[in-house]
Protein backbone atom coordinates (compact mmCIF):
# COMPACT_ATOMS: atom_id res chain seq x y z
CA MET A 1 -28.01 -11.25 7.38
CA THR A 2 -28.39 -14.95 6.72
CA ARG A 3 -25.47 -17.35 6.62
CA GLU A 4 -25.89 -17.71 2.86
CA THR A 5 -25.75 -13.93 2.40
CA ASP A 6 -22.63 -13.72 4.56
CA LEU A 7 -20.96 -16.51 2.58
CA ALA A 8 -21.87 -14.91 -0.75
CA TRP A 9 -20.47 -11.54 0.44
CA LEU A 10 -17.29 -13.21 1.73
CA ALA A 11 -16.83 -15.16 -1.52
CA GLY A 12 -17.11 -11.93 -3.51
CA PHE A 13 -14.55 -10.30 -1.25
CA ILE A 14 -12.22 -13.28 -1.61
CA ASP A 15 -12.65 -13.23 -5.40
CA GLY A 16 -11.41 -9.64 -5.41
CA ASP A 17 -8.86 -9.52 -2.60
CA GLY A 18 -8.32 -12.93 -1.01
CA CYS A 19 -5.84 -15.71 -1.67
CA PHE A 20 -6.07 -19.43 -0.87
CA ARG A 21 -2.64 -21.06 -0.58
CA LEU A 22 -0.47 -23.47 1.37
CA HIS A 23 2.11 -22.16 3.80
CA HIS A 24 5.16 -24.33 4.50
CA LEU A 25 5.95 -24.57 8.21
CA ARG A 26 9.52 -25.62 8.82
CA PRO A 27 10.23 -28.20 11.49
CA ASN A 28 12.28 -27.43 14.58
CA GLY A 29 14.02 -30.78 14.26
CA PRO A 30 14.58 -33.35 11.51
CA GLY A 31 11.76 -33.87 9.05
CA ARG A 32 9.97 -32.16 6.24
CA GLY A 33 7.77 -29.83 8.24
CA CYS A 34 4.13 -29.43 7.31
CA LEU A 35 1.83 -27.51 5.01
CA SER A 36 -0.85 -25.29 6.49
CA PRO A 37 -3.81 -24.17 4.37
CA ARG A 38 -4.24 -20.39 4.45
CA LEU A 39 -6.67 -17.72 3.42
CA ALA A 40 -4.94 -14.34 3.35
CA PHE A 41 -6.15 -10.76 2.93
CA SER A 42 -4.53 -7.33 2.95
CA GLN A 43 -6.71 -4.21 3.19
CA LYS A 44 -6.50 -0.52 3.99
CA ASP A 45 -9.89 -0.73 5.76
CA ARG A 46 -9.68 -2.70 9.01
CA GLN A 47 -13.48 -2.84 9.38
CA VAL A 48 -13.78 -5.07 6.32
CA LEU A 49 -11.32 -7.57 7.82
CA ASP A 50 -13.11 -7.42 11.18
CA ARG A 51 -16.30 -8.39 9.30
CA VAL A 52 -14.51 -11.39 7.79
CA VAL A 53 -13.43 -12.53 11.29
CA GLU A 54 -17.04 -12.14 12.47
CA ILE A 55 -18.37 -14.31 9.63
CA VAL A 56 -15.65 -16.97 9.84
CA GLY A 57 -15.43 -17.07 13.63
CA ARG A 58 -11.65 -17.16 13.64
CA GLY A 59 -8.58 -15.19 12.69
CA LYS A 60 -6.97 -12.01 13.95
CA VAL A 61 -6.41 -8.74 12.17
CA HIS A 62 -2.79 -7.54 12.29
CA GLY A 63 -1.42 -4.08 11.64
CA PRO A 64 -1.45 -1.40 10.61
CA TYR A 65 1.69 -1.92 8.57
CA HIS A 66 3.14 1.22 7.06
CA ARG A 67 4.48 1.15 3.52
CA ALA A 68 5.36 3.78 0.94
CA LYS A 69 1.88 3.33 -0.63
CA GLY A 70 0.15 3.82 2.73
CA SER A 71 -0.95 1.75 5.68
CA HIS A 72 -2.69 -1.61 5.48
CA TYR A 73 -3.97 -4.40 7.71
CA GLN A 74 -3.56 -8.12 7.24
CA LEU A 75 -5.73 -11.09 8.09
CA ILE A 76 -4.52 -14.67 7.78
CA ILE A 77 -6.81 -17.58 8.56
CA SER A 78 -4.86 -20.83 8.69
CA GLY A 79 -5.15 -24.49 9.55
CA VAL A 80 -7.21 -27.42 8.30
CA ALA A 81 -10.43 -25.52 9.14
CA THR A 82 -9.51 -23.27 6.18
CA ILE A 83 -10.27 -26.21 3.88
CA GLU A 84 -13.69 -26.65 5.49
CA LEU A 85 -14.37 -22.93 5.05
CA ALA A 86 -13.25 -23.13 1.41
CA LYS A 87 -15.71 -26.00 0.81
CA GLU A 88 -18.52 -23.94 2.35
CA LEU A 89 -17.64 -20.95 0.14
CA TYR A 90 -17.01 -22.99 -3.02
CA PRO A 91 -20.46 -22.61 -4.64
CA TYR A 92 -20.17 -18.82 -4.41
CA LEU A 93 -16.59 -18.46 -5.70
CA GLN A 94 -15.58 -17.54 -9.25
CA GLU A 95 -13.53 -19.99 -11.32
CA LEU A 96 -10.09 -18.52 -10.48
CA LYS A 97 -10.63 -18.91 -6.72
CA LYS A 98 -12.20 -22.35 -7.20
CA ALA A 99 -8.96 -23.33 -8.95
CA GLN A 100 -6.94 -21.98 -5.99
CA VAL A 101 -9.09 -24.02 -3.60
CA ASP A 102 -8.77 -27.17 -5.73
CA ASP A 103 -4.98 -26.75 -5.92
CA MET A 104 -4.68 -26.09 -2.16
CA VAL A 105 -6.78 -29.13 -1.24
CA GLN A 106 -5.05 -31.47 -3.71
CA ARG A 107 -1.52 -30.39 -2.74
CA HIS A 108 -2.35 -30.60 0.99
CA LYS A 109 -3.76 -34.11 0.57
CA ALA A 110 -0.83 -35.28 -1.60
CA PHE A 111 1.74 -33.89 0.85
CA TYR A 112 0.28 -35.82 3.78
CA GLU A 113 -0.22 -39.00 1.75
CA LEU A 114 3.45 -38.83 0.73
CA LYS A 115 4.52 -38.07 4.29
CA ALA A 116 2.58 -41.09 5.58
CA ALA A 117 4.21 -43.43 3.06
């Protein structure tokens, strides 16, 4: 598959099952901590998440986790590189996920601008 095909597939998967968000990391000492951009997935089929890791080139699949509704696996891709990935995927995403990306990027930028002030 081409890179464009992989990105289009991944964007479709994210539209259905992914979530862009910011994760607050608490500091060990004084301070406000930091915000880490995240792309998170939860799936019953580990192979799908392994394919995401292959396309993205980062991340680790965790699980299986056992719940009353059955077992599932989790993949969390975090860090500033998540924003770069989101920008690469942006043209392929539907409006709801584009809004999640916009919110994540704006809040991340505002947090660090405020922290620097």
